[in-house]
Protein backbone atom coordinates (compact mmCIF):
# COMPACT_ATOMS: atom_id res chain seq x y z
CA MET A 1 -230.58 306.80 -61.18
CA ARG A 2 -227.19 306.42 -59.57
CA ALA A 3 -228.83 305.14 -56.39
CA PHE A 4 -230.01 302.06 -58.29
CA LYS A 5 -226.54 301.57 -59.71
CA HIS A 6 -224.91 302.13 -56.33
CA LEU A 7 -227.22 299.57 -54.75
CA PHE A 8 -226.45 297.02 -57.45
CA LEU A 9 -222.71 297.57 -57.07
CA LEU A 10 -222.94 297.08 -53.31
CA LEU A 11 -225.05 293.95 -53.78
CA PHE A 12 -222.57 292.51 -56.22
CA ILE A 13 -219.49 293.20 -54.10
CA ALA A 14 -221.17 291.80 -50.98
CA GLY A 15 -222.09 288.68 -52.89
CA VAL A 16 -218.58 288.27 -54.23
CA PHE A 17 -217.16 288.14 -50.70
CA ALA A 18 -219.67 285.44 -49.83
CA LEU A 19 -218.90 283.57 -53.03
CA THR A 20 -215.19 283.55 -52.25
CA ALA A 21 -215.86 281.72 -49.01
CA ALA A 22 -218.40 279.37 -50.54
CA CYS A 23 -216.29 278.48 -53.57
CA GLY A 24 -212.93 278.18 -51.89
CA ASP A 25 -212.76 274.37 -51.99
CA ASN A 26 -211.23 272.45 -54.88
CA ASN A 27 -214.38 270.45 -55.60
CA THR A 28 -216.31 273.55 -56.69
CA THR A 29 -213.42 274.74 -58.83
CA ASN A 30 -213.00 271.34 -60.45
CA GLU A 31 -216.71 271.13 -61.22
CA LYS A 32 -216.54 274.46 -63.03
CA VAL A 33 -213.45 273.39 -65.00
CA GLU A 34 -215.14 270.13 -65.98
CA GLU A 35 -218.27 272.01 -67.04
CA LYS A 36 -216.23 274.37 -69.22
CA ALA A 37 -214.40 271.42 -70.76
CA ASP A 38 -217.74 269.86 -71.65
CA GLN A 39 -218.97 273.14 -73.18
CA ASP A 40 -215.80 273.41 -75.26
CA GLY A 41 -216.37 269.97 -76.69
CA GLY A 42 -213.46 268.30 -74.93
CA THR A 43 -215.46 265.52 -73.25
CA MET A 44 -215.79 262.22 -75.13
CA THR A 45 -219.20 260.59 -75.27
CA GLU A 46 -219.88 256.87 -75.38
CA LYS A 47 -221.79 257.17 -78.65
CA GLU A 48 -219.97 259.07 -81.35
CA GLU A 49 -222.29 261.59 -83.02
CA PRO A 50 -221.75 263.93 -85.95
CA LYS A 51 -220.29 267.28 -84.89
CA GLY A 52 -221.84 269.52 -87.53
CA PRO A 53 -223.54 271.27 -89.15
CA ILE A 54 -226.10 272.30 -86.49
CA GLU A 55 -229.63 273.24 -87.51
CA LEU A 56 -231.54 275.58 -85.17
CA THR A 57 -235.32 275.57 -84.72
CA PHE A 58 -237.15 278.27 -82.74
CA GLU A 59 -240.27 277.72 -80.61
CA PRO A 60 -242.46 279.70 -80.93
CA ALA A 61 -241.65 280.02 -84.61
CA THR A 62 -240.52 283.25 -86.21
CA GLY A 63 -243.37 285.71 -86.75
CA ALA A 64 -245.22 284.79 -83.54
CA GLU A 65 -246.54 287.20 -80.93
CA ILE A 66 -244.93 286.93 -77.49
CA GLU A 67 -245.61 288.36 -74.04
CA PRO A 68 -243.45 291.27 -72.80
CA LYS A 69 -243.10 289.59 -69.39
CA ASP A 70 -241.69 286.16 -68.46
CA THR A 71 -241.09 285.11 -72.06
CA CYS A 72 -238.62 282.37 -72.96
CA ILE A 73 -237.80 281.16 -76.47
CA THR A 74 -236.90 277.48 -76.92
CA ILE A 75 -234.03 276.66 -79.27
CA LYS A 76 -233.95 273.10 -80.65
CA MET A 77 -230.57 271.96 -82.02
CA SER A 78 -230.15 269.03 -84.40
CA ILE A 79 -226.86 268.06 -82.74
CA LYS A 80 -225.50 268.65 -79.26
CA PRO A 81 -223.29 271.75 -79.56
CA GLY A 82 -219.89 272.23 -78.05
CA LYS A 83 -220.86 275.63 -76.67
CA LEU A 84 -223.76 278.07 -76.45
CA VAL A 85 -222.02 281.22 -77.67
CA LYS A 86 -224.60 284.02 -77.43
CA ALA A 87 -228.24 285.01 -77.84
CA GLU A 88 -229.38 288.60 -78.38
CA PHE A 89 -232.86 290.14 -78.33
CA ILE A 90 -232.73 293.41 -80.28
CA ALA A 91 -235.76 295.71 -80.50
CA ASP A 92 -236.57 297.30 -83.84
CA GLY A 93 -234.49 300.49 -84.12
CA ALA A 94 -232.41 299.76 -81.00
CA SER A 95 -228.61 299.57 -81.01
CA THR A 96 -228.19 297.75 -77.69
CA PRO A 97 -229.46 294.18 -77.16
CA THR A 98 -231.81 293.35 -74.31
CA PRO A 99 -229.83 291.23 -71.79
CA ALA A 100 -230.94 287.61 -71.76
CA SER A 101 -229.91 284.24 -70.36
CA PHE A 102 -228.92 281.47 -72.80
CA SER A 103 -228.73 278.06 -71.17
CA TYR A 104 -229.46 274.38 -71.73
CA ASP A 105 -232.96 273.21 -70.88
CA THR A 106 -231.77 270.21 -68.89
CA LYS A 107 -235.20 269.71 -67.29
CA THR A 108 -236.71 268.50 -70.57
CA ASP A 109 -233.63 267.39 -72.51
CA LYS A 110 -230.71 265.67 -70.79
CA ASP A 111 -228.87 265.40 -74.12
CA LYS A 112 -228.31 269.18 -74.24
CA LYS A 113 -229.92 269.62 -77.63
CA THR A 114 -232.43 272.13 -76.26
CA ALA A 115 -231.69 275.61 -74.94
CA LEU A 116 -233.75 278.49 -73.55
CA VAL A 117 -233.33 282.21 -74.21
CA CYS A 118 -235.01 284.29 -71.47
CA PRO A 119 -234.71 288.12 -71.35
CA TYR A 120 -233.63 289.53 -67.99
CA SER A 121 -235.54 292.74 -68.72
CA LEU A 122 -239.22 293.12 -69.51
CA LEU A 123 -239.69 293.63 -73.24
CA ASP A 124 -241.32 296.73 -74.73
CA GLN A 125 -244.99 296.46 -75.66
CA GLY A 126 -246.10 296.23 -79.29
CA VAL A 127 -242.53 296.21 -80.59
CA LYS A 128 -240.79 293.99 -83.13
CA TYR A 129 -237.78 292.06 -81.84
CA LYS A 130 -235.11 290.06 -83.62
CA LEU A 131 -233.53 287.14 -81.78
CA ASN A 132 -230.04 286.21 -82.99
CA VAL A 133 -228.57 282.95 -81.68
CA THR A 134 -225.04 281.58 -82.12
CA VAL A 135 -223.81 278.13 -81.10
CA LYS A 136 -220.49 276.41 -81.66
CA SER A 137 -220.12 272.80 -82.71
CA GLN A 138 -217.91 270.26 -81.02
CA LYS A 139 -214.42 269.47 -82.26
CA PRO A 140 -213.22 268.62 -84.85
CA ASP A 141 -215.96 270.56 -86.70
CA ASP A 142 -215.49 273.50 -84.29
CA LYS A 143 -217.60 276.02 -86.24
CA GLU A 144 -220.17 278.63 -85.29
CA TYR A 145 -223.76 278.28 -86.52
CA ASN A 146 -226.31 281.09 -86.43
CA GLY A 147 -230.08 281.33 -86.35
CA THR A 148 -232.53 284.25 -86.40
CA ALA A 149 -236.20 284.63 -85.52
CA GLU A 150 -238.45 287.68 -85.40
CA TYR A 151 -241.24 288.34 -82.92
CA THR A 152 -243.74 291.06 -82.02
CA THR A 153 -244.64 291.67 -78.39
CA LYS A 154 -248.22 291.93 -77.21
CA ALA A 155 -249.43 295.02 -75.32
CA PRO A 156 -251.44 293.73 -72.33
CA TYR A 157 -250.72 296.76 -70.11
CA ALA A 158 -251.15 299.60 -72.62
CA ASP A 159 -254.79 300.43 -71.86
CA LYS A 160 -254.17 300.98 -68.14
CA ASN A 161 -253.09 304.08 -66.23
CA ALA A 162 -249.66 304.82 -64.78
CA PRO A 163 -249.49 306.27 -61.25
CA ALA A 164 -250.30 309.95 -60.90
CA ALA A 165 -247.58 312.47 -60.14
CA GLY A 166 -246.91 312.52 -56.40
CA THR A 167 -247.20 308.75 -55.90
CA THR A 168 -244.37 307.36 -53.77
CA ILE A 169 -243.30 303.72 -54.07
CA ASN A 170 -240.99 301.66 -51.85
CA LEU A 171 -238.99 299.07 -53.81
CA LYS A 172 -236.92 296.11 -52.65
CA ILE A 173 -234.80 293.40 -54.24
CA ASP A 174 -236.79 290.17 -54.60
CA SER A 175 -234.13 287.99 -56.21
CA ILE A 176 -230.84 288.07 -58.12
CA LEU A 177 -231.29 286.50 -61.56
CA THR A 178 -227.63 286.48 -62.54
CA PRO A 179 -224.96 285.53 -61.54
CA GLU A 180 -226.79 282.46 -60.23
CA LEU A 181 -224.33 281.76 -57.41
CA LEU A 182 -224.75 285.31 -56.14
CA GLY A 183 -228.52 284.89 -56.21
CA SER A 184 -228.36 281.64 -54.24
CA LEU A 185 -226.12 283.10 -51.56
CA LEU A 186 -228.19 286.27 -51.14
CA GLU A 187 -231.53 284.46 -51.04
CA GLY A 188 -231.54 284.40 -47.25
CA GLN A 189 -230.28 287.98 -46.98
CA LYS A 190 -233.03 289.81 -48.88
CA ASP A 191 -234.53 291.47 -45.81
CA SER A 192 -231.18 293.05 -44.95
CA ILE A 193 -230.88 294.76 -48.35
CA PRO A 194 -231.89 298.44 -48.23
CA PRO A 195 -235.08 299.48 -50.03
CA ILE A 196 -235.29 302.21 -52.66
CA LEU A 197 -237.87 304.95 -52.09
CA VAL A 198 -239.13 306.30 -55.43
CA ASN A 199 -241.51 309.20 -56.08
CA VAL A 200 -243.29 309.85 -59.39
CA HIS A 201 -242.36 313.51 -59.75
CA LYS A 202 -243.90 314.16 -63.14
CA ARG A 203 -245.36 312.34 -66.12
CA ASP A 204 -246.99 313.19 -69.42
CA GLU A 205 -250.77 313.27 -69.65
CA GLY A 206 -252.53 310.27 -71.15
CA LYS A 207 -251.58 306.62 -71.14
CA LYS A 208 -248.22 306.88 -72.89
CA GLY A 209 -245.24 309.24 -72.66
CA ASN A 210 -242.30 310.29 -70.50
CA ILE A 211 -242.08 309.86 -66.75
CA ILE A 212 -239.67 311.26 -64.12
CA PHE A 213 -238.89 309.32 -60.94
CA ILE A 214 -237.12 310.82 -57.93
CA GLY A 215 -235.83 308.67 -55.11
CA GLY A 216 -233.04 307.52 -52.85
CA LEU A 217 -231.31 304.55 -51.34
CA GLY A 218 -233.01 303.42 -48.15
CA LYS A 219 -232.01 301.75 -44.91
CA GLY A 220 -233.58 299.84 -42.06
CA PRO A 221 -234.52 301.53 -38.78
CA GLU A 222 -232.44 300.83 -35.70
CA GLY A 223 -233.26 297.35 -34.47
CA GLY A 224 -235.80 296.68 -37.22
CA SER A 225 -236.04 295.27 -40.72
CA PRO A 226 -235.76 297.60 -43.74
CA HIS A 227 -239.50 297.71 -44.40
CA GLU A 228 -240.85 298.49 -40.94
CA GLY A 229 -241.24 301.85 -39.28
CA LYS A 230 -240.81 305.25 -40.90
CA ASP A 231 -237.03 305.48 -41.10
CA VAL A 232 -236.76 304.11 -44.64
CA VAL A 233 -234.45 306.70 -46.20
CA ASP A 234 -230.72 306.57 -45.60
CA THR A 235 -229.85 310.01 -44.23
CA GLU A 236 -226.27 309.02 -43.37
CA THR A 237 -225.19 308.19 -46.93
CA PRO A 238 -227.96 309.85 -48.96
CA VAL A 239 -227.40 308.67 -52.53
CA SER A 240 -230.37 310.09 -54.47
CA ILE A 241 -231.63 309.85 -58.02
CA SER A 242 -233.35 311.67 -60.84
CA LEU A 243 -234.60 308.98 -63.18
CA VAL A 244 -236.10 309.85 -66.58
CA GLY A 245 -237.88 307.12 -68.52
CA LYS A 246 -241.00 306.30 -70.50
CA PHE A 247 -244.31 304.60 -69.76
CA ASP A 248 -246.96 302.84 -71.81
CA GLY A 249 -249.98 302.23 -69.60
CA ARG A 250 -248.78 300.21 -66.61
CA TRP A 251 -245.45 299.36 -68.29
CA PHE A 252 -242.37 301.57 -67.78
CA SER A 253 -238.66 301.56 -68.62
CA VAL A 254 -235.41 303.48 -68.20
CA GLY A 255 -232.30 302.94 -70.36
CA PRO A 256 -230.28 301.23 -71.65
CA THR A 257 -227.48 303.71 -71.12
CA THR A 258 -223.92 304.01 -69.81
CA PHE A 259 -222.76 305.79 -66.67
CA ILE A 260 -219.49 306.62 -65.01
CA LEU A 261 -219.96 306.35 -61.26
CA SER A 262 -217.36 308.43 -59.43
CA ILE A 263 -217.26 308.35 -55.63
CA ALA A 264 -214.36 309.37 -53.39
CA GLY A 265 -211.82 309.20 -56.20
CA VAL A 266 -212.97 305.81 -57.53
CA SER A 267 -214.61 305.57 -60.96
CA VAL A 268 -216.36 302.58 -62.47
CA VAL A 269 -218.14 302.31 -65.81
CA LEU A 270 -221.59 300.73 -65.70
CA ASP A 271 -222.76 299.78 -69.18
CA ASN A 272 -226.24 298.89 -70.40
CA PHE A 273 -228.02 300.05 -67.24
CA THR A 274 -231.71 299.16 -67.68
CA LEU A 275 -234.78 299.35 -65.45
CA THR A 276 -238.10 297.96 -66.69
CA GLY A 277 -241.29 297.26 -64.78
CA ILE A 278 -245.06 297.06 -64.46
CA PHE A 279 -247.17 299.18 -62.13
CA THR A 280 -249.99 297.56 -60.16
CA GLU A 281 -253.52 297.68 -61.57
CA ASP A 282 -254.59 300.24 -58.97
CA SER A 283 -251.66 302.49 -60.05
CA THR A 284 -250.30 302.81 -56.52
CA ASN A 285 -247.21 300.60 -56.60
CA VAL A 286 -244.91 298.41 -58.70
CA GLU A 287 -246.05 294.86 -59.37
CA GLU A 288 -242.67 293.76 -60.67
CA ALA A 289 -239.53 295.33 -62.10
CA ARG A 290 -236.24 294.13 -63.55
CA LEU A 291 -232.88 295.82 -63.13
CA SER A 292 -229.65 295.03 -64.98
CA ALA A 293 -226.18 296.51 -65.43
CA VAL A 294 -222.75 295.43 -66.65
CA ILE A 295 -219.82 295.73 -64.23
CA ASP A 296 -216.11 295.75 -65.05
CA PRO A 297 -214.30 292.90 -63.19
CA GLU A 298 -211.09 294.95 -63.23
CA PHE A 299 -212.72 297.47 -60.91
CA VAL A 300 -213.50 294.78 -58.33
CA LYS A 301 -210.02 293.28 -58.78
CA LYS A 302 -208.25 296.59 -58.15
CA GLN A 303 -210.40 297.55 -55.18
CA PHE A 304 -210.67 294.15 -53.48
CA GLU A 305 -207.80 292.09 -54.99
CA MET A 306 -210.34 289.54 -56.14
CA ASP A 307 -210.64 287.79 -59.51
CA ILE A 308 -214.41 287.45 -59.78
CA CYS A 309 -214.12 285.75 -63.17
CA SER A 310 -212.71 282.71 -61.38
CA ILE A 311 -215.94 282.49 -59.40
CA VAL A 312 -218.70 283.58 -61.79
CA ASP A 313 -218.96 283.51 -65.56
CA CYS A 314 -217.58 286.61 -67.27
CA ASP A 315 -218.29 287.64 -70.84
CA GLU A 316 -215.37 288.55 -73.07
CA ASN A 317 -215.53 290.74 -76.17
CA PRO A 318 -213.35 290.25 -79.29
CA VAL A 319 -210.58 292.49 -77.91
CA GLY A 320 -210.37 290.56 -74.65
CA THR A 321 -212.21 292.94 -72.30
CA LYS A 322 -214.23 291.07 -69.70
CA SER A 323 -217.50 292.06 -68.06
CA VAL A 324 -220.09 290.70 -65.65
CA LEU A 325 -223.82 291.08 -66.16
CA VAL A 326 -225.79 291.55 -62.94
CA ALA A 327 -229.59 291.35 -63.11
CA GLY A 328 -232.28 291.25 -60.46
CA LYS A 329 -236.01 291.21 -59.86
CA ILE A 330 -237.60 294.05 -57.85
CA VAL A 331 -241.02 294.27 -56.19
CA GLY A 332 -242.92 297.13 -54.58
CA VAL A 333 -243.86 297.20 -50.90
CA ALA A 334 -245.88 299.63 -48.79
CA ASN A 335 -244.40 303.11 -48.36
CA PRO A 336 -244.56 304.28 -44.73
CA LEU A 337 -242.95 307.70 -45.27
CA GLU A 338 -245.36 310.65 -45.51
CA TYR A 339 -242.86 313.26 -46.67
CA SER A 340 -239.24 313.21 -47.79
CA ALA A 341 -236.62 315.26 -49.63
CA PHE A 342 -233.85 314.14 -51.98
CA ILE A 343 -230.76 315.98 -53.19
CA THR A 344 -230.09 314.68 -56.69
CA LYS A 345 -227.21 316.98 -57.69
CA PRO A 346 -224.39 316.69 -56.87
CA LEU A 347 -224.07 312.98 -56.16
CA TYR A 348 -223.12 311.97 -52.63
CA LEU A 349 -219.29 312.16 -52.31
CA GLU A 350 -218.84 313.42 -55.87
CA ASN A 351 -215.39 314.96 -56.00
CA ASN A 352 -215.06 317.13 -59.11
CA ILE A 353 -217.73 319.80 -58.67
CA ALA A 354 -217.54 323.37 -59.98
CA ALA A 355 -217.29 325.94 -57.18
CA ASP A 356 -220.36 327.78 -58.52
CA THR A 357 -222.49 324.63 -58.66
CA LYS A 358 -226.15 324.74 -57.66
CA ILE A 359 -227.80 322.12 -55.49
CA GLU A 360 -230.83 320.39 -57.03
CA PHE A 361 -233.40 318.86 -54.71
CA TYR A 362 -236.88 317.35 -54.84
CA THR A 363 -239.60 316.74 -52.25
CA THR A 364 -242.48 314.28 -52.27
CA GLY A 365 -244.99 316.92 -51.15
CA ASP A 366 -245.71 320.58 -51.86
CA THR A 367 -242.99 322.77 -50.35
CA LYS A 368 -242.60 326.54 -50.02
CA LYS A 369 -239.18 328.17 -50.18
CA GLU A 370 -239.70 329.74 -46.75
CA ASP A 371 -240.06 326.21 -45.36
CA VAL A 372 -236.58 325.23 -46.58
CA THR A 373 -233.49 326.00 -44.51
CA VAL A 374 -229.90 325.48 -45.65
CA GLU A 375 -226.56 325.25 -43.83
CA VAL A 376 -223.24 325.20 -45.70
CA LYS A 377 -220.13 323.84 -43.98
CA SER A 378 -216.56 323.20 -45.13
CA CYS A 379 -214.70 320.02 -44.18
CA LYS A 380 -210.89 320.06 -44.13
CA GLY A 381 -208.13 317.79 -42.88
CA SER A 382 -209.80 314.36 -42.76
CA GLN A 383 -207.39 311.44 -42.95
CA LYS A 384 -209.96 309.38 -44.85
CA GLU A 385 -211.11 310.45 -48.32
CA GLU A 386 -214.32 308.45 -47.99
CA LYS A 387 -215.12 310.26 -44.70
CA PRO A 388 -214.23 313.88 -45.51
CA CYS A 389 -216.41 315.42 -42.78
CA SER A 390 -215.58 313.00 -39.98
CA GLU A 391 -214.18 314.80 -36.96
CA ALA A 392 -213.10 311.42 -35.59
CA ASP A 393 -210.79 311.13 -38.61
CA GLY A 394 -209.29 314.59 -38.18
CA ALA A 395 -211.72 316.77 -40.13
CA THR A 396 -212.24 320.37 -39.10
CA ILE A 397 -215.79 321.53 -39.83
CA ALA A 398 -216.56 325.23 -40.19
CA ASP A 399 -219.53 327.36 -41.23
CA VAL A 400 -219.20 328.97 -44.66
CA ALA A 401 -219.71 332.73 -44.69
CA GLY A 402 -222.56 334.10 -46.76
CA ASP A 403 -226.16 333.10 -47.32
CA ALA A 404 -227.58 330.40 -49.56
CA SER A 405 -230.72 331.22 -51.56
CA VAL A 406 -233.56 328.82 -52.39
CA THR A 407 -235.98 328.75 -55.32
CA ILE A 408 -238.94 326.39 -55.85
CA ASP A 409 -240.41 325.77 -59.31
CA ASP A 410 -244.09 325.70 -60.26
CA SER A 411 -244.44 322.02 -59.35
CA LYS A 412 -243.77 322.99 -55.70
CA LYS A 413 -241.71 319.81 -55.45
CA LYS A 414 -238.45 320.77 -57.16
CA GLY A 415 -235.98 323.31 -55.85
CA GLU A 416 -232.55 324.77 -56.41
CA ILE A 417 -230.03 326.14 -53.92
CA THR A 418 -227.53 328.83 -54.90
CA LEU A 419 -224.54 328.60 -52.59
CA PRO A 420 -222.24 331.32 -51.25
CA THR A 421 -218.69 331.52 -52.62
CA LEU A 422 -216.84 328.21 -52.26
CA GLU A 423 -213.11 327.49 -52.24
CA ALA A 424 -211.49 325.22 -54.81
CA ASN A 425 -210.33 321.69 -53.93
CA THR A 426 -212.38 321.62 -50.72
CA TRP A 427 -214.97 319.26 -49.28
CA TYR A 428 -218.36 320.73 -48.37
CA GLN A 429 -221.53 319.56 -46.69
CA VAL A 430 -224.85 321.26 -47.46
CA ASN A 431 -227.54 320.47 -44.89
CA LEU A 432 -231.13 320.73 -46.10
CA THR A 433 -234.24 320.80 -43.91
CA ALA A 434 -237.63 320.93 -45.64
CA LYS A 435 -241.24 320.97 -44.38
CA ASP A 436 -244.48 320.24 -46.19
CA ALA A 437 -247.75 322.15 -45.81
CA ASN A 438 -248.67 320.07 -42.75
CA GLY A 439 -245.38 320.75 -40.98
CA LYS A 440 -243.85 317.34 -41.69
CA GLU A 441 -240.08 317.81 -41.62
CA PHE A 442 -237.33 315.95 -43.42
CA LYS A 443 -233.55 316.43 -43.20
CA THR A 444 -230.89 315.36 -45.68
CA PHE A 445 -227.57 316.67 -46.99
CA ALA A 446 -225.15 316.79 -49.90
CA ARG A 447 -221.44 316.14 -49.47
CA PHE A 448 -219.05 316.95 -52.32
CA LYS A 449 -215.60 318.25 -53.23
CA THR A 450 -214.93 321.23 -55.49
CA LYS A 451 -212.51 321.16 -58.41
CA GLU A 452 -208.90 322.28 -58.02
C-alpha cells in the first residue's frame, strides 16, 4: 500500500517544482488573487442582484439512482454565490466523506449559478449516499446556505467475476485529476512515471468479499519507456506493498485510511488514502482505477522550502490546518513480467525496526523454500542517511554472522525470513533471491535500520 502512497508523493513533489517555474510570473499570481476576490464576493457586478438567501436544487433529484462511475451531480443556485464552500458525498455508515470536486459549471452557465459535484473516487455499488452541499452568499448577506440530497448507487459490475488469485496487473497513471495545474503540467510526462506491478495474492470465493493485492513500485528499463521490456520492477529502490481491500464483482476498493510514511528519518501523514477501481470484463486487468490521498503542505514546505498553497488551492479546517488533496486516474497495461518477488515488511528505508524483526515477502508464482536464498549485510558509516549502504558515501558493508531461515506458507507464494542476531541502531540490507518452479529467478532486497 505504501508504494502507491510513495508514488503519489513523488508525483506531487515533482509537479510542485514544475508549477513553481510555470507560475513564477506576476500575471498568474494576479489572476489567482482576482479569482479568489470574485469567489469571496468582493467584485462588483454591473447589475445589482440580491445576495441571499440562496436556494439549492439538485439534479438528479434526491432519491434517484446514480452510477458508481463518472457520476456528477448538478447544483442549481437561485442566486450567484460568493463562494462554493464544500460538497461531501458520505456513504451510509461511513465516517469519512468520499473526495469530490465542487466547481462552477461555466460551460453551461456563465453566470455562475450552476455547480457540479463529481467524486474523485468510484462510488460503492448498491449503497446509499448523502450529498451535503454548502455555499456562501455574497456580501453584505455573507451567510452559509446548505442543501442535502440522498442517492442510491446502481450495481452494474456486481454479477461479474474478479480476477483469480495469481493474476498480475501492471498499472500506470493516466491523468492527475487534482490539483488541476499539476495535472496539466504532467500531461506530457505520463510515460516517464513508473508503473505499479500488482499481483492478486488471495481473494474470497464467490463474487463478493475480501481481496489481497501484493505489488511494488516499478521503473523503466535502461533506454526504454516504463512499459516496454521485462525490467518493470524497481530493484534499486524496492518499495513494496501488501494491500487489503474488498471486491464486489468487477468493482474493488481499498480505504479510506490514514498512514504515517516514515523514510530515512522523515515522516509525513497521509490522510484519507483511497483506491477504487473496476477490473476488465475478462478479469485479467484493471479497466480503470482512482487513487486519492491528502498531503500536509507543511511537510513539503519543510523539506523543499516551498509554499505550495501559494500555487495550488489548499483546504483549511476550522483550527487552521491546511491540506492538499491529490487524486489521479489509473489504467491497467500489459504485464510483461513472468515471475517476481516483493518484500513488504519492513518498508524500504524504514528506520525504527525491532532487532528481532522478521522479513515478510511474496512471490507471484509458486515458490519452494529451498529455492529461496538470503544474504544479510550490515551497513555502517555512510555520510548520507538516505544512502546507508552506499560505499561511495563512506559506508562499510559486512556480512552478518549466522544463518537466516526461510518458511513458505500453504499458498506457496508468501514467505517469512527469520534473521540472525542483529545489532541495535544499525542499518541492514537483506538480499533475497527467489526462483519459481520453472527456474525463473528474481532478486530484490530490504534495507532498514534497527531501533536504538
